[in-house]
């Protein structure tokens, strides 16, 4: 899949730091191997399951809108028993352009059959907040340990928690 214009491409960044081309296929395979090792050590964010259960109990429908792959998200959702809370899962595998392009959010809205004004996004990274905003969805940003030091641009309809 092609990255959205302006999206961070870690391999291009690595090449600029090295001053030369890197073996993209071998780097991607090495990364995939590290992901397989990393997944078992991941923990669920405190309060996530409770918030999702409360949303479901209130009759809200939830969609997982992730710039990561289905291969990454599926095992995590199953491991943390969160899969039943999501009516829809949209990942980078479902669109031509991933975050910060709005395509993932627009796909989720279409699958849920709702308008952007009827939705709210909870994001943890700048690209996600930009994607939600571009799709016309209000957004609350709750950074995680990896994203809390990133620059979050001032965007309309975004509140940082």
C-alpha atoms as a PDB file:
ATOM      1  CA  UNK A   1       0.000   0.000   0.000  1.00  0.00           C
ATOM      2  CA  UNK A   2       1.148   3.504  -0.765  1.00  0.00           C
ATOM      3  CA  UNK A   3       1.574   5.889   2.129  1.00  0.00           C
ATOM      4  CA  UNK A   4      -0.404   9.086   2.189  1.00  0.00           C
ATOM      5  CA  UNK A   5       1.480  12.141   0.975  1.00  0.00           C
ATOM      6  CA  UNK A   6       3.418  13.595   3.872  1.00  0.00           C
ATOM      7  CA  UNK A   7       3.165  10.426   5.970  1.00  0.00           C
ATOM      8  CA  UNK A   8       6.288   9.340   7.801  1.00  0.00           C
ATOM      9  CA  UNK A   9       8.051   6.511   5.982  1.00  0.00           C
ATOM     10  CA  UNK A  10      10.508   4.884   8.396  1.00  0.00           C
ATOM     11  CA  UNK A  11      12.495   3.152   5.628  1.00  0.00           C
ATOM     12  CA  UNK A  12      13.022   6.399   3.739  1.00  0.00           C
ATOM     13  CA  UNK A  13      14.055   8.036   7.014  1.00  0.00           C
ATOM     14  CA  UNK A  14      16.489   5.201   7.732  1.00  0.00           C
ATOM     15  CA  UNK A  15      17.983   5.579   4.256  1.00  0.00           C
ATOM     16  CA  UNK A  16      18.443   9.312   4.799  1.00  0.00           C
ATOM     17  CA  UNK A  17      20.238   8.633   8.088  1.00  0.00           C
ATOM     18  CA  UNK A  18      22.459   5.961   6.510  1.00  0.00           C
ATOM     19  CA  UNK A  19      23.108   7.942   3.351  1.00  0.00           C
ATOM     20  CA  UNK A  20      22.337   4.899   1.231  1.00  0.00           C
ATOM     21  CA  UNK A  21      19.580   2.533   0.203  1.00  0.00           C
ATOM     22  CA  UNK A  22      18.671  -0.256   2.610  1.00  0.00           C
ATOM     23  CA  UNK A  23      17.472  -3.738   1.766  1.00  0.00           C
ATOM     24  CA  UNK A  24      13.778  -2.973   2.080  1.00  0.00           C
ATOM     25  CA  UNK A  25      12.554  -6.582   1.818  1.00  0.00           C
ATOM     26  CA  UNK A  26      14.987  -7.863   4.446  1.00  0.00           C
ATOM     27  CA  UNK A  27      14.283  -4.875   6.712  1.00  0.00           C
ATOM     28  CA  UNK A  28      10.527  -5.475   6.486  1.00  0.00           C
ATOM     29  CA  UNK A  29      11.033  -9.198   7.243  1.00  0.00           C
ATOM     30  CA  UNK A  30      13.254  -8.360  10.228  1.00  0.00           C
ATOM     31  CA  UNK A  31      10.624  -5.917  11.477  1.00  0.00           C
ATOM     32  CA  UNK A  32       7.884  -8.544  11.125  1.00  0.00           C
ATOM     33  CA  UNK A  33      10.001 -10.950  13.147  1.00  0.00           C
ATOM     34  CA  UNK A  34      10.480  -8.354  15.893  1.00  0.00           C
ATOM     35  CA  UNK A  35       6.745  -7.701  15.951  1.00  0.00           C
ATOM     36  CA  UNK A  36       6.115 -11.419  16.533  1.00  0.00           C
ATOM     37  CA  UNK A  37       8.512 -11.284  19.483  1.00  0.00           C
ATOM     38  CA  UNK A  38       7.046  -8.022  20.829  1.00  0.00           C
ATOM     39  CA  UNK A  39       3.344  -8.962  20.738  1.00  0.00           C
ATOM     40  CA  UNK A  40       3.419 -11.376  23.697  1.00  0.00           C
ATOM     41  CA  UNK A  41       4.883  -8.687  25.968  1.00  0.00           C
ATOM     42  CA  UNK A  42       2.252  -6.050  25.192  1.00  0.00           C
ATOM     43  CA  UNK A  43      -0.332  -5.136  27.804  1.00  0.00           C
ATOM     44  CA  UNK A  44      -3.790  -3.636  27.507  1.00  0.00           C
ATOM     45  CA  UNK A  45      -4.109   0.064  28.325  1.00  0.00           C
ATOM     46  CA  UNK A  46      -5.730   0.578  31.717  1.00  0.00           C
ATOM     47  CA  UNK A  47      -9.451   1.260  31.435  1.00  0.00           C
ATOM     48  CA  UNK A  48      -9.743   0.265  27.762  1.00  0.00           C
ATOM     49  CA  UNK A  49     -11.950  -2.785  28.271  1.00  0.00           C
ATOM     50  CA  UNK A  50     -14.135  -1.004  30.798  1.00  0.00           C
ATOM     51  CA  UNK A  51     -14.640   1.997  28.502  1.00  0.00           C
ATOM     52  CA  UNK A  52     -15.521  -0.257  25.572  1.00  0.00           C
ATOM     53  CA  UNK A  53     -17.933  -2.275  27.712  1.00  0.00           C
ATOM     54  CA  UNK A  54     -19.608   0.919  28.908  1.00  0.00           C
ATOM     55  CA  UNK A  55     -19.918   2.168  25.319  1.00  0.00           C
ATOM     56  CA  UNK A  56     -21.439  -1.143  24.217  1.00  0.00           C
ATOM     57  CA  UNK A  57     -23.810  -1.108  27.198  1.00  0.00           C
ATOM     58  CA  UNK A  58     -24.965   2.364  26.156  1.00  0.00           C
ATOM     59  CA  UNK A  59     -25.793   1.109  22.665  1.00  0.00           C
ATOM     60  CA  UNK A  60     -22.843   2.781  20.935  1.00  0.00           C
ATOM     61  CA  UNK A  61     -21.204   0.999  18.034  1.00  0.00           C
ATOM     62  CA  UNK A  62     -17.421   1.022  17.913  1.00  0.00           C
ATOM     63  CA  UNK A  63     -14.965   0.644  15.083  1.00  0.00           C
ATOM     64  CA  UNK A  64     -11.270  -0.048  15.306  1.00  0.00           C
ATOM     65  CA  UNK A  65      -9.589   2.300  12.826  1.00  0.00           C
ATOM     66  CA  UNK A  66      -5.905   1.449  12.688  1.00  0.00           C
ATOM     67  CA  UNK A  67      -2.994   2.384  10.483  1.00  0.00           C
ATOM     68  CA  UNK A  68      -1.480  -0.969  11.441  1.00  0.00           C
ATOM     69  CA  UNK A  69      -2.237  -4.215   9.648  1.00  0.00           C
ATOM     70  CA  UNK A  70      -4.994  -6.710  10.391  1.00  0.00           C
ATOM     71  CA  UNK A  71      -2.185  -9.184  11.163  1.00  0.00           C
ATOM     72  CA  UNK A  72      -1.067  -6.877  14.001  1.00  0.00           C
ATOM     73  CA  UNK A  73      -4.513  -5.899  15.317  1.00  0.00           C
ATOM     74  CA  UNK A  74      -6.312  -9.242  15.180  1.00  0.00           C
ATOM     75  CA  UNK A  75      -4.064 -11.115  17.627  1.00  0.00           C
ATOM     76  CA  UNK A  76      -4.046  -8.182  20.053  1.00  0.00           C
ATOM     77  CA  UNK A  77      -7.825  -7.869  20.056  1.00  0.00           C
ATOM     78  CA  UNK A  78      -8.197 -11.608  20.650  1.00  0.00           C
ATOM     79  CA  UNK A  79      -5.500 -11.698  23.333  1.00  0.00           C
ATOM     80  CA  UNK A  80      -7.088  -8.864  25.287  1.00  0.00           C
ATOM     81  CA  UNK A  81     -10.654 -10.099  24.665  1.00  0.00           C
ATOM     82  CA  UNK A  82     -11.604  -6.812  22.960  1.00  0.00           C
ATOM     83  CA  UNK A  83     -12.763  -8.212  19.613  1.00  0.00           C
ATOM     84  CA  UNK A  84     -16.472  -8.425  20.586  1.00  0.00           C
ATOM     85  CA  UNK A  85     -16.615  -4.684  21.286  1.00  0.00           C
ATOM     86  CA  UNK A  86     -15.886  -3.687  17.680  1.00  0.00           C
ATOM     87  CA  UNK A  87     -18.619  -3.838  15.065  1.00  0.00           C
ATOM     88  CA  UNK A  88     -16.110  -2.879  12.370  1.00  0.00           C
ATOM     89  CA  UNK A  89     -12.348  -3.163  12.010  1.00  0.00           C
ATOM     90  CA  UNK A  90     -10.614  -1.044   9.372  1.00  0.00           C
ATOM     91  CA  UNK A  91      -6.867  -1.407   8.956  1.00  0.00           C
ATOM     92  CA  UNK A  92      -4.282  -0.236   6.467  1.00  0.00           C
ATOM     93  CA  UNK A  93      -5.061  -3.450   4.560  1.00  0.00           C
ATOM     94  CA  UNK A  94      -8.476  -2.004   3.651  1.00  0.00           C
ATOM     95  CA  UNK A  95      -7.425   1.241   1.965  1.00  0.00           C
ATOM     96  CA  UNK A  96      -5.061   2.620  -0.645  1.00  0.00           C
ATOM     97  CA  UNK A  97      -3.848   5.404   1.651  1.00  0.00           C
ATOM     98  CA  UNK A  98      -3.392   4.968   5.377  1.00  0.00           C
ATOM     99  CA  UNK A  99      -3.295   7.652   8.062  1.00  0.00           C
ATOM    100  CA  UNK A 100      -2.945  10.641   8.005  1.00  0.00           C
ATOM    101  CA  UNK A 101      -5.210  10.384   4.948  1.00  0.00           C
ATOM    102  CA  UNK A 102      -8.898  10.181   5.967  1.00  0.00           C
ATOM    103  CA  UNK A 103      -9.539   6.964   3.996  1.00  0.00           C
ATOM    104  CA  UNK A 104      -9.645   4.613   7.016  1.00  0.00           C
ATOM    105  CA  UNK A 105     -12.147   6.794   8.849  1.00  0.00           C
ATOM    106  CA  UNK A 106     -14.275   7.269   5.744  1.00  0.00           C
ATOM    107  CA  UNK A 107     -14.308   3.491   5.228  1.00  0.00           C
ATOM    108  CA  UNK A 108     -15.312   2.881   8.865  1.00  0.00           C
ATOM    109  CA  UNK A 109     -18.084   5.490   8.661  1.00  0.00           C
ATOM    110  CA  UNK A 110     -19.402   3.913   5.465  1.00  0.00           C
ATOM    111  CA  UNK A 111     -19.347   0.417   6.999  1.00  0.00           C
ATOM    112  CA  UNK A 112     -21.111   1.636  10.134  1.00  0.00           C
ATOM    113  CA  UNK A 113     -23.632   3.592   8.068  1.00  0.00           C
ATOM    114  CA  UNK A 114     -23.140   6.813  10.023  1.00  0.00           C
ATOM    115  CA  UNK A 115     -22.189  10.401   9.213  1.00  0.00           C
ATOM    116  CA  UNK A 116     -18.973  12.005  10.492  1.00  0.00           C
ATOM    117  CA  UNK A 117     -21.070  14.240  12.767  1.00  0.00           C
ATOM    118  CA  UNK A 118     -22.376  11.102  14.513  1.00  0.00           C
ATOM    119  CA  UNK A 119     -18.894   9.784  15.303  1.00  0.00           C
ATOM    120  CA  UNK A 120     -16.079  10.488  17.701  1.00  0.00           C
ATOM    121  CA  UNK A 121     -12.521   9.190  17.406  1.00  0.00           C
ATOM    122  CA  UNK A 122     -10.129   8.365  20.195  1.00  0.00           C
ATOM    123  CA  UNK A 123      -6.587   8.553  18.873  1.00  0.00           C
ATOM    124  CA  UNK A 124      -3.119   8.180  20.318  1.00  0.00           C
ATOM    125  CA  UNK A 125      -0.944   9.568  17.522  1.00  0.00           C
ATOM    126  CA  UNK A 126      -0.761  12.705  15.358  1.00  0.00           C
ATOM    127  CA  UNK A 127      -1.432  10.854  12.085  1.00  0.00           C
ATOM    128  CA  UNK A 128      -4.619   9.380  13.527  1.00  0.00           C
ATOM    129  CA  UNK A 129      -5.830  12.743  14.798  1.00  0.00           C
ATOM    130  CA  UNK A 130      -5.165  14.272  11.367  1.00  0.00           C
ATOM    131  CA  UNK A 131      -7.018  11.413   9.640  1.00  0.00           C
ATOM    132  CA  UNK A 132     -10.066  11.741  11.895  1.00  0.00           C
ATOM    133  CA  UNK A 133     -10.183  15.512  11.487  1.00  0.00           C
ATOM    134  CA  UNK A 134      -9.815  15.299   7.708  1.00  0.00           C
ATOM    135  CA  UNK A 135     -12.748  12.848   7.672  1.00  0.00           C
ATOM    136  CA  UNK A 136     -14.847  15.351   9.646  1.00  0.00           C
ATOM    137  CA  UNK A 137     -14.828  13.308  12.866  1.00  0.00           C
ATOM    138  CA  UNK A 138     -14.384  14.937  16.288  1.00  0.00           C
ATOM    139  CA  UNK A 139     -11.348  13.514  18.052  1.00  0.00           C
ATOM    140  CA  UNK A 140      -9.995  13.048  21.556  1.00  0.00           C
ATOM    141  CA  UNK A 141      -6.255  12.394  21.728  1.00  0.00           C
ATOM    142  CA  UNK A 142      -4.944  10.157  24.504  1.00  0.00           C
ATOM    143  CA  UNK A 143      -1.216   9.679  23.845  1.00  0.00           C
ATOM    144  CA  UNK A 144       0.484   6.454  24.873  1.00  0.00           C
ATOM    145  CA  UNK A 145       4.040   5.875  26.088  1.00  0.00           C
ATOM    146  CA  UNK A 146       5.360   5.838  22.514  1.00  0.00           C
ATOM    147  CA  UNK A 147       3.442   8.858  21.237  1.00  0.00           C
ATOM    148  CA  UNK A 148       3.335  11.218  24.209  1.00  0.00           C
ATOM    149  CA  UNK A 149       6.492  13.043  23.098  1.00  0.00           C
ATOM    150  CA  UNK A 150       5.329  13.548  19.510  1.00  0.00           C
ATOM    151  CA  UNK A 151       4.101  16.904  18.246  1.00  0.00           C
ATOM    152  CA  UNK A 152       0.326  16.984  17.958  1.00  0.00           C
ATOM    153  CA  UNK A 153      -0.710  19.804  15.627  1.00  0.00           C
ATOM    154  CA  UNK A 154      -3.544  22.085  16.653  1.00  0.00           C
ATOM    155  CA  UNK A 155      -6.487  20.711  14.727  1.00  0.00           C
ATOM    156  CA  UNK A 156     -10.155  21.710  14.731  1.00  0.00           C
ATOM    157  CA  UNK A 157     -12.382  19.230  16.563  1.00  0.00           C
ATOM    158  CA  UNK A 158      -9.459  17.749  18.525  1.00  0.00           C
ATOM    159  CA  UNK A 159      -9.134  17.703  22.288  1.00  0.00           C
ATOM    160  CA  UNK A 160      -6.016  16.327  23.937  1.00  0.00           C
ATOM    161  CA  UNK A 161      -6.682  14.436  27.168  1.00  0.00           C
END
